[in-house]
Amino acid sequence: MTKDFDWGAVGDAFPLLLDGFWTTLLATVFGTLVAAVLGLAIAVAGRAPSRLVTVPVKAVMEFIRSTPLIVQLVGAAALFTSVEPLTVGIVVLGVHYATYTSEVYRAGIDAVPKGQWEACRALSLTPRRTWQAVILPQAVRNVVPALGNYAISMFKETPFLAVITVHEMVFQARDYGTKHFVYTEVFTLAGLIFLVASYPTSLLMRKLEKRLGH
């Protein structure tokens, strides 16, 4: 296999895959931001006193969790044909992962001692002030490592964006492989780039977890 491995193709394909990598990274960064913000909103909405809020929120979450990401991508791309595929991909990734980050936030909020809530009520703080000044700062600190791990998972699932013609790294690898019949070489290169990018980040998240006492 080593003798047949086309190292020239690796060098030739590298600039294309690197270009795809930046698209992959862009989708991951903005998808994570969407998941982080929307996940927090879902977690807070899930604690609303009215079932008119909590029931629809839970129903939408279950629907998203129960359907494959690739189906959501294709469906969203078909519905929003006038929107750039990359934008569709970022939003779908963010919404999909928000249903999971919301559970992380929920756990972080539940970890705040009940005495903190009671103290806020005793001080006559408004609900908004209670969330902003007391609850969220503690909850967010508790969930940072888990959010980082979800970001890594999202990074590794960006190849699904290829189905809606987003030119991320795997799309570029498949395109080059199809044109030059060198699939093994380009997909090996793509795998190595994924490894080099994700492994150090994973180690960083573990260190952060230990530092925060998780």
Protein backbone atom coordinates (compact mmCIF):
# COMPACT_ATOMS: atom_id res chain seq x y z
CA MET A 1 0.00 0.00 0.00
CA THR A 2 2.87 2.39 0.84
CA LYS A 3 4.36 1.83 -2.62
CA ASP A 4 1.04 2.72 -4.30
CA PHE A 5 0.37 5.73 -2.07
CA ASP A 6 0.51 8.88 -4.18
CA TRP A 7 2.39 11.41 -2.06
CA GLY A 8 2.29 13.89 -4.92
CA ALA A 9 -1.51 13.93 -4.71
CA VAL A 10 -1.27 14.72 -1.00
CA GLY A 11 0.83 17.81 -1.70
CA ASP A 12 -1.39 18.80 -4.60
CA ALA A 13 -4.62 18.42 -2.63
CA PHE A 14 -3.38 20.08 0.57
CA PRO A 15 -4.20 23.71 -0.45
CA LEU A 16 -7.74 22.67 -1.41
CA LEU A 17 -8.27 20.81 1.85
CA LEU A 18 -6.81 23.71 3.81
CA ASP A 19 -9.31 26.01 2.12
CA GLY A 20 -12.05 23.57 3.09
CA PHE A 21 -10.67 23.46 6.63
CA TRP A 22 -11.25 27.20 7.09
CA THR A 23 -14.86 26.70 6.01
CA THR A 24 -15.13 23.82 8.48
CA LEU A 25 -13.67 25.99 11.23
CA LEU A 26 -16.00 28.87 10.38
CA ALA A 27 -19.05 26.59 10.54
CA THR A 28 -17.88 25.18 13.87
CA VAL A 29 -17.19 28.55 15.52
CA PHE A 30 -20.45 30.18 14.48
CA GLY A 31 -22.44 26.96 14.98
CA THR A 32 -21.09 26.75 18.53
CA LEU A 33 -22.06 30.37 19.20
CA VAL A 34 -25.61 29.66 18.01
CA ALA A 35 -25.76 26.50 20.14
CA ALA A 36 -24.42 28.30 23.21
CA VAL A 37 -26.82 31.26 23.02
CA LEU A 38 -29.89 29.31 21.90
CA GLY A 39 -29.18 26.50 24.36
CA LEU A 40 -29.18 29.00 27.22
CA ALA A 41 -32.46 30.51 26.00
CA ILE A 42 -34.03 27.04 25.82
CA ALA A 43 -32.81 26.17 29.33
CA VAL A 44 -34.30 29.37 30.76
CA ALA A 45 -37.55 28.90 28.82
CA GLY A 46 -37.77 25.35 30.13
CA ARG A 47 -38.05 26.75 33.66
CA ALA A 48 -40.92 29.07 32.78
CA PRO A 49 -43.98 28.72 35.06
CA SER A 50 -46.40 28.51 32.11
CA ARG A 51 -46.97 25.26 30.23
CA LEU A 52 -47.73 27.38 27.16
CA VAL A 53 -43.97 27.94 27.04
CA THR A 54 -42.52 24.69 28.38
CA VAL A 55 -44.65 22.25 26.35
CA PRO A 56 -43.82 23.67 22.88
CA VAL A 57 -40.15 24.02 23.84
CA LYS A 58 -39.95 20.37 24.90
CA ALA A 59 -41.85 19.21 21.80
CA VAL A 60 -39.46 21.02 19.44
CA MET A 61 -36.45 19.68 21.34
CA GLU A 62 -37.70 16.10 21.09
CA PHE A 63 -38.38 16.50 17.37
CA ILE A 64 -34.87 17.79 16.70
CA ARG A 65 -33.23 15.11 18.84
CA SER A 66 -35.28 12.36 17.22
CA THR A 67 -34.33 13.21 13.63
CA PRO A 68 -30.87 12.75 12.08
CA LEU A 69 -28.76 15.84 11.52
CA ILE A 70 -28.36 15.01 7.84
CA VAL A 71 -32.16 14.99 7.37
CA GLN A 72 -32.42 18.36 9.10
CA LEU A 73 -29.74 19.79 6.80
CA VAL A 74 -31.41 18.55 3.62
CA GLY A 75 -34.84 19.69 4.80
CA ALA A 76 -33.63 23.17 5.77
CA ALA A 77 -31.74 23.57 2.49
CA ALA A 78 -34.90 22.61 0.57
CA LEU A 79 -37.02 25.10 2.52
CA PHE A 80 -34.58 28.00 2.34
CA THR A 81 -33.27 27.79 -1.20
CA SER A 82 -32.46 31.50 -1.35
CA VAL A 83 -30.13 31.29 1.66
CA GLU A 84 -26.43 30.46 1.28
CA PRO A 85 -25.77 26.75 2.02
CA LEU A 86 -23.07 27.66 4.58
CA THR A 87 -25.51 29.88 6.47
CA VAL A 88 -28.12 27.12 6.44
CA GLY A 89 -25.52 24.65 7.69
CA ILE A 90 -24.39 26.91 10.53
CA VAL A 91 -27.94 27.53 11.72
CA VAL A 92 -28.93 23.85 11.53
CA LEU A 93 -25.78 22.77 13.38
CA GLY A 94 -26.40 25.43 16.02
CA VAL A 95 -30.07 24.56 16.51
CA HIS A 96 -29.33 20.82 16.57
CA TYR A 97 -26.65 21.18 19.23
CA ALA A 98 -28.67 23.75 21.19
CA THR A 99 -31.03 20.95 22.21
CA TYR A 100 -28.07 19.27 23.91
CA THR A 101 -26.33 22.35 25.30
CA SER A 102 -29.65 23.34 26.88
CA GLU A 103 -29.44 20.21 29.03
CA VAL A 104 -25.92 21.19 30.06
CA TYR A 105 -27.15 24.63 31.04
CA ARG A 106 -30.09 23.08 32.88
CA ALA A 107 -27.70 20.95 34.92
CA GLY A 108 -25.53 24.00 35.59
CA ILE A 109 -28.54 26.00 36.77
CA ASP A 110 -29.74 23.12 38.95
CA ALA A 111 -26.26 22.98 40.51
CA VAL A 112 -26.68 26.50 41.92
CA PRO A 113 -27.60 26.06 45.62
CA LYS A 114 -31.24 26.72 46.46
CA GLY A 115 -30.06 29.12 49.14
CA GLN A 116 -28.93 31.47 46.38
CA TRP A 117 -32.45 31.65 44.97
CA GLU A 118 -33.93 32.19 48.43
CA ALA A 119 -31.42 34.94 49.18
CA CYS A 120 -32.38 36.73 45.97
CA ARG A 121 -36.04 36.57 46.89
CA ALA A 122 -35.26 37.82 50.40
CA LEU A 123 -33.41 40.79 48.89
CA SER A 124 -36.41 41.46 46.62
CA LEU A 125 -34.30 41.14 43.47
CA THR A 126 -36.26 41.03 40.24
CA PRO A 127 -36.18 37.75 38.28
CA ARG A 128 -34.06 39.44 35.61
CA ARG A 129 -31.55 40.71 38.16
CA THR A 130 -31.48 37.31 39.86
CA TRP A 131 -30.57 35.57 36.61
CA GLN A 132 -28.06 38.18 35.47
CA ALA A 133 -26.19 38.81 38.71
CA VAL A 134 -26.42 35.53 40.60
CA ILE A 135 -27.57 32.44 38.70
CA LEU A 136 -26.07 32.71 35.21
CA PRO A 137 -22.49 33.61 36.25
CA GLN A 138 -22.35 30.43 38.36
CA ALA A 139 -24.20 28.23 35.88
CA VAL A 140 -22.08 29.27 32.88
CA ARG A 141 -18.87 28.59 34.80
CA ASN A 142 -20.11 25.06 35.47
CA VAL A 143 -20.88 24.29 31.82
CA VAL A 144 -17.83 25.71 29.99
CA PRO A 145 -15.98 22.34 29.69
CA ALA A 146 -19.10 20.55 28.42
CA LEU A 147 -19.72 23.27 25.84
CA GLY A 148 -16.14 22.83 24.65
CA ASN A 149 -16.70 19.11 24.20
CA TYR A 150 -19.85 19.78 22.16
CA ALA A 151 -17.84 22.18 19.99
CA ILE A 152 -15.38 19.37 19.25
CA SER A 153 -18.25 17.02 18.38
CA MET A 154 -19.72 19.65 16.07
CA PHE A 155 -16.33 20.09 14.38
CA LYS A 156 -16.25 16.37 13.61
CA GLU A 157 -19.82 16.43 12.24
CA THR A 158 -19.25 19.30 9.79
CA PRO A 159 -18.65 16.78 6.94
CA PHE A 160 -22.46 16.38 6.88
CA LEU A 161 -22.56 19.89 5.40
CA ALA A 162 -21.23 18.41 2.16
CA VAL A 163 -24.73 17.07 1.41
CA ILE A 164 -25.97 20.65 0.96
CA THR A 165 -22.91 21.59 -1.14
CA VAL A 166 -20.97 23.46 1.53
CA HIS A 167 -17.35 23.33 0.39
CA GLU A 168 -15.92 22.17 3.70
CA MET A 169 -12.92 19.88 3.99
CA VAL A 170 -14.56 16.53 3.23
CA PHE A 171 -16.41 18.04 0.27
CA GLN A 172 -13.07 19.23 -1.11
CA ALA A 173 -11.49 15.82 -0.47
CA ARG A 174 -14.30 13.98 -2.24
CA ASP A 175 -14.24 16.43 -5.14
CA TYR A 176 -10.48 16.08 -5.61
CA GLY A 177 -10.66 12.30 -5.22
CA THR A 178 -13.40 12.05 -7.86
CA LYS A 179 -11.42 14.11 -10.35
CA HIS A 180 -8.06 12.37 -9.82
CA PHE A 181 -9.07 8.89 -8.52
CA VAL A 182 -6.97 9.23 -5.34
CA TYR A 183 -9.51 8.76 -2.56
CA THR A 184 -7.22 7.05 -0.06
CA GLU A 185 -4.65 9.83 -0.16
CA VAL A 186 -6.99 12.79 0.19
CA PHE A 187 -9.21 11.23 2.85
CA THR A 188 -6.16 10.18 4.85
CA LEU A 189 -4.98 13.78 4.68
CA ALA A 190 -8.41 15.06 5.71
CA GLY A 191 -8.45 12.65 8.66
CA LEU A 192 -5.02 13.83 9.80
CA ILE A 193 -6.10 17.47 9.63
CA PHE A 194 -9.17 16.66 11.73
CA LEU A 195 -6.95 14.86 14.25
CA VAL A 196 -4.36 17.63 14.46
CA ALA A 197 -7.09 20.24 14.96
CA SER A 198 -9.33 18.39 17.43
CA TYR A 199 -6.92 16.44 19.66
CA PRO A 200 -5.12 19.46 21.22
CA THR A 201 -8.50 21.12 21.78
CA SER A 202 -9.73 17.98 23.54
CA LEU A 203 -6.67 18.01 25.82
CA LEU A 204 -7.28 21.69 26.57
CA MET A 205 -10.88 20.95 27.57
CA ARG A 206 -9.71 18.21 29.95
CA LYS A 207 -7.27 20.60 31.62
CA LEU A 208 -9.98 23.23 31.89
CA GLU A 209 -12.30 20.66 33.48
CA LYS A 210 -9.70 19.82 36.12
CA ARG A 211 -8.96 23.48 36.76
CA LEU A 212 -12.64 24.26 37.32
CA GLY A 213 -12.92 21.28 39.63
CA HIS A 214 -15.21 19.07 37.51
